[in-house]
Amino acid sequence: MVPILQSAKEFLVKPTTMTTIQAFIEQFLLAVDFQDAPEITPETILVELPEWDSLAALGVIVMFDIEYGKTIIGDDLKQCATILDLFKLLEK
């Protein structure tokens, strides 16, 4: 018998592998919608990105909600210096 899922959040897998962070980076690139996408690594510093502004931050907040079912706010983003810091928000 196949178990019935109670919510869409049951589909989410806790991020723990490098492959998963690569998928997170791909989603980040889509959410920010860079004109010329820079090379992004887990160590990329957010404020050094050419288009990191309030609109980009809003895109990331929406990404967390839609793609990961996780609610974050601007204060959460202010505490993140790198892509890896953003990724770690998924674990909280």
C-alpha atoms as a PDB file:
ATOM      1  CA  MET A   1       0.000   0.000   0.000  1.00  0.00           C
ATOM      2  CA  VAL A   2       1.336   3.461  -0.947  1.00  0.00           C
ATOM      3  CA  PRO A   3       1.263   6.009   1.899  1.00  0.00           C
ATOM      4  CA  ILE A   4      -0.768   9.164   1.326  1.00  0.00           C
ATOM      5  CA  LEU A   5       1.130  12.417   1.667  1.00  0.00           C
ATOM      6  CA  GLN A   6      -0.363  14.975   4.004  1.00  0.00           C
ATOM      7  CA  SER A   7       1.293  17.971   2.361  1.00  0.00           C
ATOM      8  CA  ALA A   8       3.611  19.052  -0.426  1.00  0.00           C
ATOM      9  CA  LYS A   9       6.328  19.664   2.184  1.00  0.00           C
ATOM     10  CA  GLU A  10       6.718  15.905   2.540  1.00  0.00           C
ATOM     11  CA  PHE A  11       8.335  15.945  -0.907  1.00  0.00           C
ATOM     12  CA  LEU A  12      11.137  18.195   0.289  1.00  0.00           C
ATOM     13  CA  VAL A  13      14.458  16.584   1.071  1.00  0.00           C
ATOM     14  CA  LYS A  14      16.798  18.142   3.583  1.00  0.00           C
ATOM     15  CA  PRO A  15      19.811  19.492   1.652  1.00  0.00           C
ATOM     16  CA  THR A  16      23.018  17.705   2.587  1.00  0.00           C
ATOM     17  CA  THR A  17      25.043  16.991  -0.554  1.00  0.00           C
ATOM     18  CA  MET A  18      27.117  19.041  -2.947  1.00  0.00           C
ATOM     19  CA  THR A  19      24.768  18.025  -5.757  1.00  0.00           C
ATOM     20  CA  THR A  20      21.935  19.608  -3.812  1.00  0.00           C
ATOM     21  CA  ILE A  21      23.829  22.858  -3.352  1.00  0.00           C
ATOM     22  CA  GLN A  22      24.423  22.881  -7.101  1.00  0.00           C
ATOM     23  CA  ALA A  23      20.664  22.587  -7.642  1.00  0.00           C
ATOM     24  CA  PHE A  24      20.185  25.396  -5.097  1.00  0.00           C
ATOM     25  CA  ILE A  25      22.624  27.575  -7.059  1.00  0.00           C
ATOM     26  CA  GLU A  26      20.678  26.906 -10.255  1.00  0.00           C
ATOM     27  CA  GLN A  27      17.466  27.991  -8.524  1.00  0.00           C
ATOM     28  CA  PHE A  28      19.266  31.055  -7.139  1.00  0.00           C
ATOM     29  CA  LEU A  29      20.376  32.057 -10.654  1.00  0.00           C
ATOM     30  CA  LEU A  30      16.793  31.768 -11.887  1.00  0.00           C
ATOM     31  CA  ALA A  31      15.395  33.690  -8.908  1.00  0.00           C
ATOM     32  CA  VAL A  32      17.810  36.605  -9.248  1.00  0.00           C
ATOM     33  CA  ASP A  33      17.537  36.674 -13.063  1.00  0.00           C
ATOM     34  CA  PHE A  34      20.981  38.094 -13.824  1.00  0.00           C
ATOM     35  CA  GLN A  35      21.407  39.804 -17.189  1.00  0.00           C
ATOM     36  CA  ASP A  36      24.823  38.162 -17.537  1.00  0.00           C
ATOM     37  CA  ALA A  37      24.933  35.298 -15.070  1.00  0.00           C
ATOM     38  CA  PRO A  38      28.176  35.290 -13.085  1.00  0.00           C
ATOM     39  CA  GLU A  39      29.901  32.115 -11.988  1.00  0.00           C
ATOM     40  CA  ILE A  40      28.377  31.187  -8.639  1.00  0.00           C
ATOM     41  CA  THR A  41      29.957  28.884  -6.057  1.00  0.00           C
ATOM     42  CA  PRO A  42      28.989  28.181  -2.454  1.00  0.00           C
ATOM     43  CA  GLU A  43      31.650  30.709  -1.413  1.00  0.00           C
ATOM     44  CA  THR A  44      30.321  33.518  -3.632  1.00  0.00           C
ATOM     45  CA  ILE A  45      29.835  36.682  -1.581  1.00  0.00           C
ATOM     46  CA  LEU A  46      26.351  38.073  -2.126  1.00  0.00           C
ATOM     47  CA  VAL A  47      27.141  41.802  -1.905  1.00  0.00           C
ATOM     48  CA  GLU A  48      29.836  41.365  -4.563  1.00  0.00           C
ATOM     49  CA  LEU A  49      27.309  40.125  -7.126  1.00  0.00           C
ATOM     50  CA  PRO A  50      26.629  42.815  -9.750  1.00  0.00           C
ATOM     51  CA  GLU A  51      22.846  42.666  -9.437  1.00  0.00           C
ATOM     52  CA  TRP A  52      22.430  41.893  -5.736  1.00  0.00           C
ATOM     53  CA  ASP A  53      19.828  44.427  -4.649  1.00  0.00           C
ATOM     54  CA  SER A  54      16.402  44.531  -3.011  1.00  0.00           C
ATOM     55  CA  LEU A  55      14.720  43.055  -6.099  1.00  0.00           C
ATOM     56  CA  ALA A  56      17.181  40.151  -6.143  1.00  0.00           C
ATOM     57  CA  ALA A  57      16.585  39.603  -2.419  1.00  0.00           C
ATOM     58  CA  LEU A  58      12.832  39.520  -3.013  1.00  0.00           C
ATOM     59  CA  GLY A  59      13.376  36.923  -5.736  1.00  0.00           C
ATOM     60  CA  VAL A  60      15.325  34.767  -3.278  1.00  0.00           C
ATOM     61  CA  ILE A  61      12.582  35.103  -0.636  1.00  0.00           C
ATOM     62  CA  VAL A  62      10.020  33.969  -3.225  1.00  0.00           C
ATOM     63  CA  MET A  63      12.323  31.098  -4.288  1.00  0.00           C
ATOM     64  CA  PHE A  64      12.539  29.845  -0.703  1.00  0.00           C
ATOM     65  CA  ASP A  65       8.753  29.908  -0.423  1.00  0.00           C
ATOM     66  CA  ILE A  66       7.853  28.354  -3.769  1.00  0.00           C
ATOM     67  CA  GLU A  67      10.728  25.929  -4.359  1.00  0.00           C
ATOM     68  CA  TYR A  68      11.442  24.852  -0.785  1.00  0.00           C
ATOM     69  CA  GLY A  69       8.285  25.640   1.192  1.00  0.00           C
ATOM     70  CA  LYS A  70      10.359  27.720   3.613  1.00  0.00           C
ATOM     71  CA  THR A  71       9.491  31.223   4.786  1.00  0.00           C
ATOM     72  CA  ILE A  72      12.378  33.643   5.224  1.00  0.00           C
ATOM     73  CA  ILE A  73      12.427  37.413   5.699  1.00  0.00           C
ATOM     74  CA  GLY A  74      14.802  40.242   4.896  1.00  0.00           C
ATOM     75  CA  ASP A  75      16.514  39.950   8.277  1.00  0.00           C
ATOM     76  CA  ASP A  76      17.404  36.335   7.448  1.00  0.00           C
ATOM     77  CA  LEU A  77      19.045  37.503   4.223  1.00  0.00           C
ATOM     78  CA  LYS A  78      20.941  40.285   5.986  1.00  0.00           C
ATOM     79  CA  GLN A  79      22.660  37.648   8.105  1.00  0.00           C
ATOM     80  CA  CYS A  80      23.887  35.763   5.017  1.00  0.00           C
ATOM     81  CA  ALA A  81      27.233  36.704   3.495  1.00  0.00           C
ATOM     82  CA  THR A  82      27.586  33.860   0.964  1.00  0.00           C
ATOM     83  CA  ILE A  83      25.521  31.474  -1.128  1.00  0.00           C
ATOM     84  CA  LEU A  84      26.399  28.761   1.388  1.00  0.00           C
ATOM     85  CA  ASP A  85      24.896  30.889   4.159  1.00  0.00           C
ATOM     86  CA  LEU A  86      21.670  31.114   2.143  1.00  0.00           C
ATOM     87  CA  PHE A  87      21.721  27.376   1.584  1.00  0.00           C
ATOM     88  CA  LYS A  88      22.075  26.772   5.324  1.00  0.00           C
ATOM     89  CA  LEU A  89      18.804  28.651   5.887  1.00  0.00           C
ATOM     90  CA  LEU A  90      17.063  25.582   4.451  1.00  0.00           C
ATOM     91  CA  GLU A  91      18.232  23.570   7.450  1.00  0.00           C
ATOM     92  CA  LYS A  92      16.727  25.931  10.045  1.00  0.00           C
END
